[in-house]
Amino acid sequence: MKYMIEYTIRHGLGHEQNFGTAEGLLTAFGKWKPEDGLTVHAFLSNLVGDKGYVFVETNDPKVVVSFVSKFTFWNDVDVHPVVDVGDVIPVTSASLAWARSASKA
């Protein structure tokens, strides 16, 4: 299964708190390696460096939980299961055909 993980780094109320957050996150991230069973296809940041996306794949959703839970002390995180567009097209086409036939009297 593929997942798009969206993260936003939390900011504090003052410079010192923000510096502490940044330092702690950078230190922790420097020690991180992908969990066994997690394939990271892309790890992206916005140009400000406070938000980004991680596109991952795994057969076990607990691996995603393990990954994101390590960084929720610094980040707000949303996880979205995703599928390839090519896999969606046949399903959507079949649903459209069903909806057309179901809506006829």
PDB file of N, CA and C in Angstrom:
ATOM      1  N   MET A   1       0.851  -1.172   0.000  1.00  0.00           N
ATOM      2  CA  MET A   1       0.000   0.000   0.000  1.00  0.00           C
ATOM      3  C   MET A   1       0.901   1.240   0.000  1.00  0.00           C
ATOM      4  N   LYS A   2       0.430   2.264  -0.689  1.00  0.00           N
ATOM      5  CA  LYS A   2       1.188   3.516  -0.764  1.00  0.00           C
ATOM      6  C   LYS A   2       0.508   4.566   0.109  1.00  0.00           C
ATOM      7  N   TYR A   3       1.326   5.423   0.690  1.00  0.00           N
ATOM      8  CA  TYR A   3       0.826   6.475   1.574  1.00  0.00           C
ATOM      9  C   TYR A   3       1.529   7.791   1.252  1.00  0.00           C
ATOM     10  N   MET A   4       0.753   8.859   1.258  1.00  0.00           N
ATOM     11  CA  MET A   4       1.327  10.202   1.174  1.00  0.00           C
ATOM     12  C   MET A   4       1.211  10.783   2.584  1.00  0.00           C
ATOM     13  N   ILE A   5       2.353  11.075   3.166  1.00  0.00           N
ATOM     14  CA  ILE A   5       2.401  11.633   4.512  1.00  0.00           C
ATOM     15  C   ILE A   5       2.687  13.125   4.368  1.00  0.00           C
ATOM     16  N   GLU A   6       1.837  13.929   4.976  1.00  0.00           N
ATOM     17  CA  GLU A   6       2.001  15.388   4.947  1.00  0.00           C
ATOM     18  C   GLU A   6       2.382  15.835   6.356  1.00  0.00           C
ATOM     19  N   TYR A   7       3.439  16.629   6.460  1.00  0.00           N
ATOM     20  CA  TYR A   7       3.855  17.082   7.790  1.00  0.00           C
ATOM     21  C   TYR A   7       4.022  18.601   7.819  1.00  0.00           C
ATOM     22  N   THR A   8       3.794  19.149   9.000  1.00  0.00           N
ATOM     23  CA  THR A   8       4.027  20.567   9.268  1.00  0.00           C
ATOM     24  C   THR A   8       4.761  20.654  10.600  1.00  0.00           C
ATOM     25  N   ILE A   9       5.910  21.315  10.593  1.00  0.00           N
ATOM     26  CA  ILE A   9       6.676  21.478  11.828  1.00  0.00           C
ATOM     27  C   ILE A   9       5.976  22.509  12.706  1.00  0.00           C
ATOM     28  N   ARG A  10       5.774  22.152  13.974  1.00  0.00           N
ATOM     29  CA  ARG A  10       5.132  23.076  14.911  1.00  0.00           C
ATOM     30  C   ARG A  10       6.110  24.164  15.327  1.00  0.00           C
ATOM     31  N   HIS A  11       5.597  25.376  15.428  1.00  0.00           N
ATOM     32  CA  HIS A  11       6.397  26.501  15.894  1.00  0.00           C
ATOM     33  C   HIS A  11       5.918  26.910  17.275  1.00  0.00           C
ATOM     34  N   GLY A  12       6.850  27.345  18.087  1.00  0.00           N
ATOM     35  CA  GLY A  12       6.524  27.756  19.444  1.00  0.00           C
ATOM     36  C   GLY A  12       6.139  29.218  19.522  1.00  0.00           C
ATOM     37  N   LEU A  13       6.168  29.712  20.736  1.00  0.00           N
ATOM     38  CA  LEU A  13       5.746  31.086  20.997  1.00  0.00           C
ATOM     39  C   LEU A  13       6.904  32.071  20.959  1.00  0.00           C
ATOM     40  N   GLY A  14       8.116  31.584  20.906  1.00  0.00           N
ATOM     41  CA  GLY A  14       9.257  32.493  20.912  1.00  0.00           C
ATOM     42  C   GLY A  14      10.440  31.889  20.189  1.00  0.00           C
ATOM     43  N   HIS A  15      11.452  32.746  19.972  1.00  0.00           N
ATOM     44  CA  HIS A  15      12.641  32.313  19.245  1.00  0.00           C
ATOM     45  C   HIS A  15      13.333  31.131  19.913  1.00  0.00           C
ATOM     46  N   GLU A  16      13.519  31.204  21.217  1.00  0.00           N
ATOM     47  CA  GLU A  16      14.245  30.129  21.903  1.00  0.00           C
ATOM     48  C   GLU A  16      13.513  28.798  21.775  1.00  0.00           C
ATOM     49  N   GLN A  17      12.204  28.833  21.899  1.00  0.00           N
ATOM     50  CA  GLN A  17      11.439  27.595  21.752  1.00  0.00           C
ATOM     51  C   GLN A  17      11.554  27.074  20.314  1.00  0.00           C
ATOM     52  N   ASN A  18      11.492  27.972  19.336  1.00  0.00           N
ATOM     53  CA  ASN A  18      11.633  27.557  17.940  1.00  0.00           C
ATOM     54  C   ASN A  18      13.023  26.996  17.663  1.00  0.00           C
ATOM     55  N   PHE A  19      14.057  27.623  18.242  1.00  0.00           N
ATOM     56  CA  PHE A  19      15.412  27.096  18.078  1.00  0.00           C
ATOM     57  C   PHE A  19      15.512  25.703  18.692  1.00  0.00           C
ATOM     58  N   GLY A  20      14.952  25.541  19.866  1.00  0.00           N
ATOM     59  CA  GLY A  20      14.976  24.237  20.533  1.00  0.00           C
ATOM     60  C   GLY A  20      14.245  23.173  19.724  1.00  0.00           C
ATOM     61  N   THR A  21      13.104  23.536  19.167  1.00  0.00           N
ATOM     62  CA  THR A  21      12.358  22.605  18.328  1.00  0.00           C
ATOM     63  C   THR A  21      13.178  22.203  17.114  1.00  0.00           C
ATOM     64  N   ALA A  22      13.749  23.175  16.433  1.00  0.00           N
ATOM     65  CA  ALA A  22      14.541  22.895  15.232  1.00  0.00           C
ATOM     66  C   ALA A  22      15.748  22.026  15.561  1.00  0.00           C
ATOM     67  N   GLU A  23      16.449  22.354  16.629  1.00  0.00           N
ATOM     68  CA  GLU A  23      17.629  21.576  17.009  1.00  0.00           C
ATOM     69  C   GLU A  23      17.262  20.145  17.380  1.00  0.00           C
ATOM     70  N   GLY A  24      16.204  19.998  18.161  1.00  0.00           N
ATOM     71  CA  GLY A  24      15.759  18.659  18.558  1.00  0.00           C
ATOM     72  C   GLY A  24      15.329  17.820  17.366  1.00  0.00           C
ATOM     73  N   LEU A  25      14.585  18.427  16.451  1.00  0.00           N
ATOM     74  CA  LEU A  25      14.122  17.708  15.275  1.00  0.00           C
ATOM     75  C   LEU A  25      15.291  17.312  14.385  1.00  0.00           C
ATOM     76  N   LEU A  26      16.217  18.224  14.151  1.00  0.00           N
ATOM     77  CA  LEU A  26      17.380  17.909  13.318  1.00  0.00           C
ATOM     78  C   LEU A  26      18.236  16.805  13.936  1.00  0.00           C
ATOM     79  N   THR A  27      18.404  16.839  15.242  1.00  0.00           N
ATOM     80  CA  THR A  27      19.178  15.803  15.925  1.00  0.00           C
ATOM     81  C   THR A  27      18.488  14.449  15.791  1.00  0.00           C
ATOM     82  N   ALA A  28      17.179  14.420  16.041  1.00  0.00           N
ATOM     83  CA  ALA A  28      16.438  13.161  15.941  1.00  0.00           C
ATOM     84  C   ALA A  28      16.443  12.638  14.510  1.00  0.00           C
ATOM     85  N   PHE A  29      16.224  13.525  13.549  1.00  0.00           N
ATOM     86  CA  PHE A  29      16.179  13.091  12.158  1.00  0.00           C
ATOM     87  C   PHE A  29      17.536  12.542  11.714  1.00  0.00           C
ATOM     88  N   GLY A  30      18.605  13.108  12.227  1.00  0.00           N
ATOM     89  CA  GLY A  30      19.937  12.607  11.898  1.00  0.00           C
ATOM     90  C   GLY A  30      20.169  11.185  12.384  1.00  0.00           C
ATOM     91  N   LYS A  31      19.397  10.731  13.360  1.00  0.00           N
ATOM     92  CA  LYS A  31      19.531   9.375  13.895  1.00  0.00           C
ATOM     93  C   LYS A  31      18.534   8.399  13.272  1.00  0.00           C
ATOM     94  N   TRP A  32      17.602   8.926  12.480  1.00  0.00           N
ATOM     95  CA  TRP A  32      16.546   8.090  11.908  1.00  0.00           C
ATOM     96  C   TRP A  32      17.023   7.350  10.670  1.00  0.00           C
ATOM     97  N   LYS A  33      16.531   6.135  10.525  1.00  0.00           N
ATOM     98  CA  LYS A  33      16.666   5.387   9.286  1.00  0.00           C
ATOM     99  C   LYS A  33      15.309   4.754   9.030  1.00  0.00           C
ATOM    100  N   PRO A  34      14.962   4.555   7.761  1.00  0.00           N
ATOM    101  CA  PRO A  34      13.643   3.978   7.469  1.00  0.00           C
ATOM    102  C   PRO A  34      13.442   2.635   8.173  1.00  0.00           C
ATOM    103  N   GLU A  35      12.258   2.448   8.693  1.00  0.00           N
ATOM    104  CA  GLU A  35      11.899   1.192   9.337  1.00  0.00           C
ATOM    105  C   GLU A  35      12.002   0.049   8.340  1.00  0.00           C
ATOM    106  N   ASP A  36      12.285  -1.151   8.841  1.00  0.00           N
ATOM    107  CA  ASP A  36      12.273  -2.331   7.973  1.00  0.00           C
ATOM    108  C   ASP A  36      10.888  -2.456   7.362  1.00  0.00           C
ATOM    109  N   GLY A  37      10.842  -2.672   6.071  1.00  0.00           N
ATOM    110  CA  GLY A  37       9.568  -2.824   5.377  1.00  0.00           C
ATOM    111  C   GLY A  37       8.987  -1.524   4.856  1.00  0.00           C
ATOM    112  N   LEU A  38       9.676  -0.406   5.063  1.00  0.00           N
ATOM    113  CA  LEU A  38       9.207   0.893   4.579  1.00  0.00           C
ATOM    114  C   LEU A  38      10.097   1.344   3.431  1.00  0.00           C
ATOM    115  N   THR A  39       9.484   1.542   2.271  1.00  0.00           N
ATOM    116  CA  THR A  39      10.195   2.084   1.124  1.00  0.00           C
ATOM    117  C   THR A  39       9.825   3.556   1.003  1.00  0.00           C
ATOM    118  N   VAL A  40      10.816   4.429   1.067  1.00  0.00           N
ATOM    119  CA  VAL A  40      10.594   5.864   0.911  1.00  0.00           C
ATOM    120  C   VAL A  40      10.877   6.214  -0.550  1.00  0.00           C
ATOM    121  N   HIS A  41       9.819   6.587  -1.274  1.00  0.00           N
ATOM    122  CA  HIS A  41       9.965   6.945  -2.686  1.00  0.00           C
ATOM    123  C   HIS A  41      10.365   8.402  -2.861  1.00  0.00           C
ATOM    124  N   ALA A  42       9.880   9.266  -1.969  1.00  0.00           N
ATOM    125  CA  ALA A  42      10.211  10.695  -2.054  1.00  0.00           C
ATOM    126  C   ALA A  42      10.047  11.308  -0.681  1.00  0.00           C
ATOM    127  N   PHE A  43      10.964  12.210  -0.327  1.00  0.00           N
ATOM    128  CA  PHE A  43      10.913  12.967   0.929  1.00  0.00           C
ATOM    129  C   PHE A  43      11.121  14.418   0.527  1.00  0.00           C
ATOM    130  N   LEU A  44      10.061  15.209   0.554  1.00  0.00           N
ATOM    131  CA  LEU A  44      10.082  16.549  -0.023  1.00  0.00           C
ATOM    132  C   LEU A  44       9.759  17.611   1.012  1.00  0.00           C
ATOM    133  N   SER A  45      10.314  18.802   0.822  1.00  0.00           N
ATOM    134  CA  SER A  45      10.054  19.943   1.692  1.00  0.00           C
ATOM    135  C   SER A  45       9.595  21.127   0.851  1.00  0.00           C
ATOM    136  N   ASN A  46       8.775  21.982   1.470  1.00  0.00           N
ATOM    137  CA  ASN A  46       8.485  23.254   0.797  1.00  0.00           C
ATOM    138  C   ASN A  46       9.741  24.121   0.875  1.00  0.00           C
ATOM    139  N   LEU A  47       9.726  25.257   0.227  1.00  0.00           N
ATOM    140  CA  LEU A  47      10.928  26.086   0.164  1.00  0.00           C
ATOM    141  C   LEU A  47      11.234  26.809   1.469  1.00  0.00           C
ATOM    142  N   VAL A  48      10.272  26.911   2.351  1.00  0.00           N
ATOM    143  CA  VAL A  48      10.508  27.519   3.663  1.00  0.00           C
ATOM    144  C   VAL A  48      11.138  26.502   4.616  1.00  0.00           C
ATOM    145  N   GLY A  49      10.858  25.241   4.386  1.00  0.00           N
ATOM    146  CA  GLY A  49      11.425  24.186   5.223  1.00  0.00           C
ATOM    147  C   GLY A  49      10.574  23.815   6.421  1.00  0.00           C
ATOM    148  N   ASP A  50       9.321  24.275   6.461  1.00  0.00           N
ATOM    149  CA  ASP A  50       8.486  23.959   7.619  1.00  0.00           C
ATOM    150  C   ASP A  50       7.320  23.023   7.311  1.00  0.00           C
ATOM    151  N   LYS A  51       7.203  22.591   6.050  1.00  0.00           N
ATOM    152  CA  LYS A  51       6.154  21.655   5.648  1.00  0.00           C
ATOM    153  C   LYS A  51       6.712  20.753   4.564  1.00  0.00           C
ATOM    154  N   GLY A  52       6.101  19.582   4.416  1.00  0.00           N
ATOM    155  CA  GLY A  52       6.558  18.718   3.352  1.00  0.00           C
ATOM    156  C   GLY A  52       5.723  17.471   3.219  1.00  0.00           C
ATOM    157  N   TYR A  53       6.219  16.584   2.354  1.00  0.00           N
ATOM    158  CA  TYR A  53       5.531  15.347   2.024  1.00  0.00           C
ATOM    159  C   TYR A  53       6.533  14.206   1.992  1.00  0.00           C
ATOM    160  N   VAL A  54       6.065  13.040   2.414  1.00  0.00           N
ATOM    161  CA  VAL A  54       6.869  11.831   2.310  1.00  0.00           C
ATOM    162  C   VAL A  54       5.983  10.793   1.629  1.00  0.00           C
ATOM    163  N   PHE A  55       6.433  10.292   0.476  1.00  0.00           N
ATOM    164  CA  PHE A  55       5.691   9.283  -0.256  1.00  0.00           C
ATOM    165  C   PHE A  55       6.343   7.942   0.034  1.00  0.00           C
ATOM    166  N   VAL A  56       5.584   7.047   0.697  1.00  0.00           N
ATOM    167  CA  VAL A  56       6.142   5.776   1.154  1.00  0.00           C
ATOM    168  C   VAL A  56       5.276   4.613   0.685  1.00  0.00           C
ATOM    169  N   GLU A  57       5.852   3.428   0.815  1.00  0.00           N
ATOM    170  CA  GLU A  57       5.129   2.211   0.472  1.00  0.00           C
ATOM    171  C   GLU A  57       5.499   1.128   1.472  1.00  0.00           C
ATOM    172  N   THR A  58       4.498   0.354   1.888  1.00  0.00           N
ATOM    173  CA  THR A  58       4.713  -0.757   2.805  1.00  0.00           C
ATOM    174  C   THR A  58       3.529  -1.701   2.724  1.00  0.00           C
ATOM    175  N   ASN A  59       3.743  -2.941   3.111  1.00  0.00           N
ATOM    176  CA  ASN A  59       2.646  -3.908   3.197  1.00  0.00           C
ATOM    177  C   ASN A  59       2.012  -3.911   4.580  1.00  0.00           C
ATOM    178  N   ASP A  60       2.589  -3.194   5.516  1.00  0.00           N
ATOM    179  CA  ASP A  60       2.113  -3.209   6.899  1.00  0.00           C
ATOM    180  C   ASP A  60       1.884  -1.776   7.386  1.00  0.00           C
ATOM    181  N   PRO A  61       0.636  -1.372   7.593  1.00  0.00           N
ATOM    182  CA  PRO A  61       0.376   0.002   8.035  1.00  0.00           C
ATOM    183  C   PRO A  61       1.006   0.335   9.395  1.00  0.00           C
ATOM    184  N   LYS A  62       1.308  -0.671  10.200  1.00  0.00           N
ATOM    185  CA  LYS A  62       1.963  -0.403  11.486  1.00  0.00           C
ATOM    186  C   LYS A  62       3.359   0.183  11.280  1.00  0.00           C
ATOM    187  N   VAL A  63       3.971  -0.107  10.149  1.00  0.00           N
ATOM    188  CA  VAL A  63       5.282   0.463   9.830  1.00  0.00           C
ATOM    189  C   VAL A  63       5.145   1.975   9.639  1.00  0.00           C
ATOM    190  N   VAL A  64       4.050   2.412   9.015  1.00  0.00           N
ATOM    191  CA  VAL A  64       3.799   3.848   8.859  1.00  0.00           C
ATOM    192  C   VAL A  64       3.561   4.477  10.220  1.00  0.00           C
ATOM    193  N   VAL A  65       2.800   3.815  11.070  1.00  0.00           N
ATOM    194  CA  VAL A  65       2.563   4.314  12.425  1.00  0.00           C
ATOM    195  C   VAL A  65       3.888   4.465  13.169  1.00  0.00           C
ATOM    196  N   SER A  66       4.753   3.480  13.042  1.00  0.00           N
ATOM    197  CA  SER A  66       6.061   3.547  13.705  1.00  0.00           C
ATOM    198  C   SER A  66       6.858   4.751  13.227  1.00  0.00           C
ATOM    199  N   PHE A  67       6.845   4.990  11.921  1.00  0.00           N
ATOM    200  CA  PHE A  67       7.580   6.121  11.351  1.00  0.00           C
ATOM    201  C   PHE A  67       7.022   7.450  11.836  1.00  0.00           C
ATOM    202  N   VAL A  68       5.736   7.676  11.621  1.00  0.00           N
ATOM    203  CA  VAL A  68       5.197   9.002  11.927  1.00  0.00           C
ATOM    204  C   VAL A  68       5.155   9.276  13.424  1.00  0.00           C
ATOM    205  N   SER A  69       4.953   8.231  14.238  1.00  0.00           N
ATOM    206  CA  SER A  69       4.858   8.472  15.685  1.00  0.00           C
ATOM    207  C   SER A  69       6.187   8.933  16.276  1.00  0.00           C
ATOM    208  N   LYS A  70       7.295   8.642  15.625  1.00  0.00           N
ATOM    209  CA  LYS A  70       8.593   9.116  16.103  1.00  0.00           C
ATOM    210  C   LYS A  70       8.730  10.627  15.979  1.00  0.00           C
ATOM    211  N   PHE A  71       8.001  11.225  15.041  1.00  0.00           N
ATOM    212  CA  PHE A  71       8.177  12.652  14.754  1.00  0.00           C
ATOM    213  C   PHE A  71       6.973  13.512  15.134  1.00  0.00           C
ATOM    214  N   THR A  72       5.946  12.899  15.732  1.00  0.00           N
ATOM    215  CA  THR A  72       4.776  13.700  16.125  1.00  0.00           C
ATOM    216  C   THR A  72       5.063  14.598  17.325  1.00  0.00           C
ATOM    217  N   PHE A  73       6.208  14.455  17.941  1.00  0.00           N
ATOM    218  CA  PHE A  73       6.589  15.360  19.035  1.00  0.00           C
ATOM    219  C   PHE A  73       6.955  16.738  18.496  1.00  0.00           C
ATOM    220  N   TRP A  74       7.315  16.800  17.209  1.00  0.00           N
ATOM    221  CA  TRP A  74       7.707  18.059  16.558  1.00  0.00           C
ATOM    222  C   TRP A  74       6.766  18.476  15.439  1.00  0.00           C
ATOM    223  N   ASN A  75       6.088  17.492  14.841  1.00  0.00           N
ATOM    224  CA  ASN A  75       5.311  17.749  13.627  1.00  0.00           C
ATOM    225  C   ASN A  75       3.835  17.418  13.798  1.00  0.00           C
ATOM    226  N   ASP A  76       2.998  18.162  13.109  1.00  0.00           N
ATOM    227  CA  ASP A  76       1.620  17.753  12.881  1.00  0.00           C
ATOM    228  C   ASP A  76       1.655  16.924  11.600  1.00  0.00           C
ATOM    229  N   VAL A  77       0.985  15.774  11.616  1.00  0.00           N
ATOM    230  CA  VAL A  77       1.115  14.830  10.515  1.00  0.00           C
ATOM    231  C   VAL A  77      -0.268  14.354  10.063  1.00  0.00           C
ATOM    232  N   ASP A  78      -0.449  14.264   8.752  1.00  0.00           N
ATOM    233  CA  ASP A  78      -1.612  13.618   8.147  1.00  0.00           C
ATOM    234  C   ASP A  78      -1.099  12.514   7.244  1.00  0.00           C
ATOM    235  N   VAL A  79      -1.753  11.362   7.313  1.00  0.00           N
ATOM    236  CA  VAL A  79      -1.376  10.217   6.486  1.00  0.00           C
ATOM    237  C   VAL A  79      -2.549   9.884   5.577  1.00  0.00           C
ATOM    238  N   HIS A  80      -2.272   9.799   4.270  1.00  0.00           N
ATOM    239  CA  HIS A  80      -3.311   9.532   3.279  1.00  0.00           C
ATOM    240  C   HIS A  80      -2.942   8.293   2.479  1.00  0.00           C
ATOM    241  N   PRO A  81      -3.741   7.205   2.594  1.00  0.00           N
ATOM    242  CA  PRO A  81      -3.516   6.079   1.695  1.00  0.00           C
ATOM    243  C   PRO A  81      -3.811   6.534   0.268  1.00  0.00           C
ATOM    244  N   VAL A  82      -2.976   6.129  -0.679  1.00  0.00           N
ATOM    245  CA  VAL A  82      -3.148   6.548  -2.072  1.00  0.00           C
ATOM    246  C   VAL A  82      -2.957   5.352  -2.998  1.00  0.00           C
ATOM    247  N   VAL A  83      -3.498   5.497  -4.217  1.00  0.00           N
ATOM    248  CA  VAL A  83      -3.313   4.486  -5.249  1.00  0.00           C
ATOM    249  C   VAL A  83      -2.903   5.181  -6.540  1.00  0.00           C
ATOM    250  N   ASP A  84      -2.294   4.442  -7.422  1.00  0.00           N
ATOM    251  CA  ASP A  84      -1.905   4.972  -8.720  1.00  0.00           C
ATOM    252  C   ASP A  84      -3.150   5.336  -9.524  1.00  0.00           C
ATOM    253  N   VAL A  85      -3.081   6.417 -10.263  1.00  0.00           N
ATOM    254  CA  VAL A  85      -4.206   6.871 -11.080  1.00  0.00           C
ATOM    255  C   VAL A  85      -4.623   5.769 -12.061  1.00  0.00           C
ATOM    256  N   GLY A  86      -3.655   5.075 -12.615  1.00  0.00           N
ATOM    257  CA  GLY A  86      -3.965   3.994 -13.550  1.00  0.00           C
ATOM    258  C   GLY A  86      -4.830   2.907 -12.935  1.00  0.00           C
ATOM    259  N   ASP A  87      -4.728   2.718 -11.622  1.00  0.00           N
ATOM    260  CA  ASP A  87      -5.569   1.739 -10.927  1.00  0.00           C
ATOM    261  C   ASP A  87      -6.953   2.291 -10.623  1.00  0.00           C
ATOM    262  N   VAL A  88      -7.075   3.606 -10.572  1.00  0.00           N
ATOM    263  CA  VAL A  88      -8.354   4.242 -10.260  1.00  0.00           C
ATOM    264  C   VAL A  88      -9.270   4.285 -11.490  1.00  0.00           C
ATOM    265  N   ILE A  89      -8.688   4.478 -12.662  1.00  0.00           N
ATOM    266  CA  ILE A  89      -9.473   4.669 -13.887  1.00  0.00           C
ATOM    267  C   ILE A  89     -10.462   3.525 -14.131  1.00  0.00           C
ATOM    268  N   PRO A  90     -10.065   2.252 -14.098  1.00  0.00           N
ATOM    269  CA  PRO A  90     -11.039   1.190 -14.348  1.00  0.00           C
ATOM    270  C   PRO A  90     -12.151   1.139 -13.293  1.00  0.00           C
ATOM    271  N   VAL A  91     -11.801   1.413 -12.059  1.00  0.00           N
ATOM    272  CA  VAL A  91     -12.806   1.408 -10.988  1.00  0.00           C
ATOM    273  C   VAL A  91     -13.796   2.548 -11.203  1.00  0.00           C
ATOM    274  N   THR A  92     -13.284   3.730 -11.516  1.00  0.00           N
ATOM    275  CA  THR A  92     -14.148   4.885 -11.760  1.00  0.00           C
ATOM    276  C   THR A  92     -15.025   4.653 -12.983  1.00  0.00           C
ATOM    277  N   SER A  93     -14.478   4.065 -14.023  1.00  0.00           N
ATOM    278  CA  SER A  93     -15.258   3.771 -15.228  1.00  0.00           C
ATOM    279  C   SER A  93     -16.391   2.798 -14.921  1.00  0.00           C
ATOM    280  N   ALA A  94     -16.094   1.764 -14.155  1.00  0.00           N
ATOM    281  CA  ALA A  94     -17.136   0.803 -13.774  1.00  0.00           C
ATOM    282  C   ALA A  94     -18.198   1.465 -12.902  1.00  0.00           C
ATOM    283  N   SER A  95     -17.784   2.331 -12.010  1.00  0.00           N
ATOM    284  CA  SER A  95     -18.742   3.038 -11.160  1.00  0.00           C
ATOM    285  C   SER A  95     -19.620   3.969 -11.979  1.00  0.00           C
ATOM    286  N   LEU A  96     -19.033   4.623 -12.964  1.00  0.00           N
ATOM    287  CA  LEU A  96     -19.809   5.495 -13.848  1.00  0.00           C
ATOM    288  C   LEU A  96     -20.842   4.687 -14.621  1.00  0.00           C
ATOM    289  N   ALA A  97     -20.437   3.545 -15.158  1.00  0.00           N
ATOM    290  CA  ALA A  97     -21.381   2.695 -15.887  1.00  0.00           C
ATOM    291  C   ALA A  97     -22.506   2.242 -14.973  1.00  0.00           C
ATOM    292  N   TRP A  98     -22.177   1.853 -13.754  1.00  0.00           N
ATOM    293  CA  TRP A  98     -23.201   1.440 -12.792  1.00  0.00           C
ATOM    294  C   TRP A  98     -24.142   2.597 -12.484  1.00  0.00           C
ATOM    295  N   ALA A  99     -23.591   3.794 -12.226  1.00  0.00           N
ATOM    296  CA  ALA A  99     -24.425   4.948 -11.870  1.00  0.00           C
ATOM    297  C   ALA A  99     -25.353   5.331 -13.032  1.00  0.00           C
ATOM    298  N   ARG A 100     -24.855   5.247 -14.260  1.00  0.00           N
ATOM    299  CA  ARG A 100     -25.719   5.547 -15.425  1.00  0.00           C
ATOM    300  C   ARG A 100     -26.866   4.562 -15.506  1.00  0.00           C
ATOM    301  N   SER A 101     -26.555   3.271 -15.340  1.00  0.00           N
ATOM    302  CA  SER A 101     -27.629   2.277 -15.451  1.00  0.00           C
ATOM    303  C   SER A 101     -28.572   2.335 -14.243  1.00  0.00           C
ATOM    304  N   ALA A 102     -28.061   2.636 -13.087  1.00  0.00           N
ATOM    305  CA  ALA A 102     -28.899   2.706 -11.891  1.00  0.00           C
ATOM    306  C   ALA A 102     -29.808   3.928 -11.898  1.00  0.00           C
ATOM    307  N   SER A 103     -29.425   4.975 -12.634  1.00  0.00           N
ATOM    308  CA  SER A 103     -30.218   6.190 -12.614  1.00  0.00           C
ATOM    309  C   SER A 103     -31.309   6.194 -13.681  1.00  0.00           C
ATOM    310  N   LYS A 104     -31.359   5.139 -14.500  1.00  0.00           N
ATOM    311  CA  LYS A 104     -32.406   5.034 -15.517  1.00  0.00           C
ATOM    312  C   LYS A 104     -33.633   4.356 -14.919  1.00  0.00           C
ATOM    313  N   ALA A 105     -34.771   4.857 -15.305  1.00  0.00           N
ATOM    314  CA  ALA A 105     -36.030   4.315 -14.787  1.00  0.00           C
ATOM    315  C   ALA A 105     -36.358   2.972 -15.380  1.00  0.00           C
TER     316      ALA A 105
END
